[in-house]
Structures are given as C-alpha cells and as structure tokens.
Amino acid sequence: MLSNFKNSLELLEAVQKEQLYQKLLQQLIKDFELANVPINIPLDITPEQLKSTIHEKVYYLIVEKFQNYLNLLYVVDIAESEVKKITPSDVVDISAEVSFLLLKREWQKVWYKAKYSS
C-alpha cells in the first residue's frame, strides 16, 4: 500500500511487509543501469544497507558527477517540484532527502505493477 512514509527505513519496512522487496531491488538496478550509473546492489542486501548504498551513491553523484545525478532523476522520474521542496542545507542532508524521494518513486512503480498487472 502506498502511504506517507517519514523516512527511507519506514518505507523499506513497508515494502518488505508487502513482500515486494526483491522487485524493488530489481527496479532500482534496472533504473540505475538505464541512467548509466553503476551501483552494486546484491539481491540479499538488508534495508539498512540499501538505504546507505543509495545515499552514498546519490551523494557521490551530486558532488562528483552532477550530470549523471540529473540523468538518474530523469530516468527514475522524480518530479522536479519534489526536489525543489528540499530545504537547502549541506550535501549530506540533501542527498539523504533525494535518496528518500528516489526510493519512494521506485516503490510506487513496483507497487503499481504488482497491483495492476495481470
């Protein structure tokens, strides 16, 4: 079920309850590959490790490869208006917020596919 989550870990716990965690991992891997952003996400990764991995990658992209960061946002389909709502602070906090938006959007994709595909 889609609902308002407070943070990435709360979202990932809900994904596990819906038994769609593996599908979320596959969707993340697929979209990162489409954006040509290499990321190592093993299929047995824990939610805490996943949150950390995504956060580190987004931080790296913002600091080192900004064009790739923008491309990833486009491929994942994160609304520009959502990114603009993030309060400017340090890059660590911004990357954490963007990581949360990324996970929420990927969860939407997985949830809708599971709910409405035949």
Protein backbone atom coordinates (compact mmCIF):
# COMPACT_ATOMS: atom_id res chain seq x y z
CA MET A 1 0.00 0.00 0.00
CA LEU A 2 1.21 3.48 -0.81
CA SER A 3 1.18 5.83 2.13
CA ASN A 4 3.07 8.70 3.63
CA PHE A 5 6.37 7.47 4.95
CA LYS A 6 8.55 9.51 7.28
CA ASN A 7 11.89 8.08 6.14
CA SER A 8 13.59 5.51 3.95
CA LEU A 9 13.70 2.76 6.56
CA GLU A 10 9.98 3.05 7.27
CA LEU A 11 9.33 2.79 3.54
CA LEU A 12 11.59 -0.25 3.17
CA GLU A 13 9.87 -1.99 6.09
CA ALA A 14 6.52 -1.49 4.34
CA VAL A 15 7.99 -2.88 1.11
CA GLN A 16 9.09 -6.00 2.98
CA LYS A 17 5.64 -6.43 4.54
CA GLU A 18 4.13 -6.30 1.05
CA GLN A 19 6.70 -8.94 0.00
CA LEU A 20 7.90 -6.77 -2.86
CA TYR A 21 11.44 -6.07 -1.62
CA GLN A 22 13.11 -8.18 -4.33
CA LYS A 23 11.06 -6.44 -7.01
CA LEU A 24 12.14 -3.07 -5.60
CA LEU A 25 15.78 -4.13 -5.77
CA GLN A 26 15.33 -5.25 -9.38
CA GLN A 27 13.65 -1.94 -10.28
CA LEU A 28 16.47 0.04 -8.65
CA ILE A 29 19.12 -1.95 -10.51
CA LYS A 30 17.23 -1.54 -13.80
CA ASP A 31 16.82 2.24 -13.46
CA PHE A 32 20.40 2.83 -12.34
CA GLU A 33 21.57 0.84 -15.39
CA LEU A 34 19.26 2.84 -17.67
CA ALA A 35 20.76 6.05 -16.26
CA ASN A 36 24.23 4.60 -16.90
CA VAL A 37 25.08 4.92 -13.20
CA PRO A 38 26.87 1.82 -11.92
CA ILE A 39 25.74 0.63 -8.49
CA ASN A 40 26.34 -2.59 -6.62
CA ILE A 41 23.07 -3.81 -5.10
CA PRO A 42 23.23 -7.51 -4.22
CA LEU A 43 19.84 -9.21 -4.06
CA ASP A 44 20.45 -10.21 -0.42
CA ILE A 45 21.12 -6.65 0.77
CA THR A 46 19.39 -5.57 4.00
CA PRO A 47 17.14 -2.50 4.04
CA GLU A 48 19.68 -0.61 6.18
CA GLN A 49 22.48 -1.43 3.74
CA LEU A 50 20.29 -0.49 0.78
CA LYS A 51 19.45 2.87 2.32
CA SER A 52 23.13 3.52 2.95
CA THR A 53 24.20 2.39 -0.53
CA ILE A 54 21.65 4.60 -2.28
CA HIS A 55 22.53 7.57 -0.06
CA GLU A 56 26.26 7.18 -0.74
CA LYS A 57 25.68 6.90 -4.49
CA VAL A 58 23.42 9.96 -4.62
CA TYR A 59 25.92 11.94 -2.53
CA TYR A 60 28.75 10.93 -4.88
CA LEU A 61 26.71 11.87 -7.95
CA ILE A 62 25.79 15.30 -6.56
CA VAL A 63 29.40 16.09 -5.63
CA GLU A 64 31.34 14.41 -8.45
CA LYS A 65 29.02 13.65 -11.40
CA PHE A 66 26.18 16.14 -11.35
CA GLN A 67 25.07 15.44 -14.94
CA ASN A 68 24.72 11.74 -14.09
CA TYR A 69 22.73 12.74 -10.99
CA LEU A 70 20.30 14.74 -13.15
CA ASN A 71 20.06 11.86 -15.61
CA LEU A 72 19.22 9.45 -12.76
CA LEU A 73 16.47 11.77 -11.52
CA TYR A 74 15.06 11.85 -15.05
CA VAL A 75 15.18 8.06 -15.53
CA VAL A 76 13.62 7.34 -12.14
CA ASP A 77 11.06 10.08 -12.87
CA ILE A 78 11.39 12.14 -9.72
CA ALA A 79 9.33 15.30 -10.01
CA GLU A 80 11.38 18.48 -10.16
CA SER A 81 8.88 20.13 -7.82
CA GLU A 82 9.66 17.49 -5.17
CA VAL A 83 13.39 18.13 -5.44
CA LYS A 84 12.82 21.88 -5.19
CA LYS A 85 10.96 21.38 -1.90
CA ILE A 86 14.16 20.13 -0.24
CA THR A 87 15.49 22.76 2.14
CA PRO A 88 18.98 23.77 1.07
CA SER A 89 21.48 22.61 3.65
CA ASP A 90 24.63 20.54 3.38
CA VAL A 91 25.08 17.96 0.63
CA VAL A 92 24.76 15.02 3.05
CA ASP A 93 21.25 16.09 4.08
CA ILE A 94 20.21 16.90 0.53
CA SER A 95 21.43 13.53 -0.73
CA ALA A 96 19.52 11.78 2.07
CA GLU A 97 16.32 13.56 1.04
CA VAL A 98 16.87 12.79 -2.65
CA SER A 99 17.55 9.14 -1.76
CA PHE A 100 14.22 9.02 0.05
CA LEU A 101 12.45 10.54 -2.98
CA LEU A 102 14.16 8.01 -5.22
CA LEU A 103 13.10 5.07 -3.06
CA LYS A 104 9.53 6.41 -2.83
CA ARG A 105 9.27 6.74 -6.60
CA GLU A 106 10.72 3.30 -7.23
CA TRP A 107 8.30 1.87 -4.66
CA GLN A 108 5.39 3.50 -6.50
CA LYS A 109 6.47 1.85 -9.73
CA VAL A 110 6.79 -1.59 -8.10
CA TRP A 111 3.54 -1.30 -6.16
CA TYR A 112 1.50 -0.24 -9.19
CA LYS A 113 2.98 -3.03 -11.32
CA ALA A 114 2.17 -5.60 -8.63
CA LYS A 115 -1.33 -4.27 -8.05
CA TYR A 116 -2.46 -3.72 -11.63
CA SER A 117 -0.59 -6.25 -13.75
CA SER A 118 -2.35 -9.44 -14.62
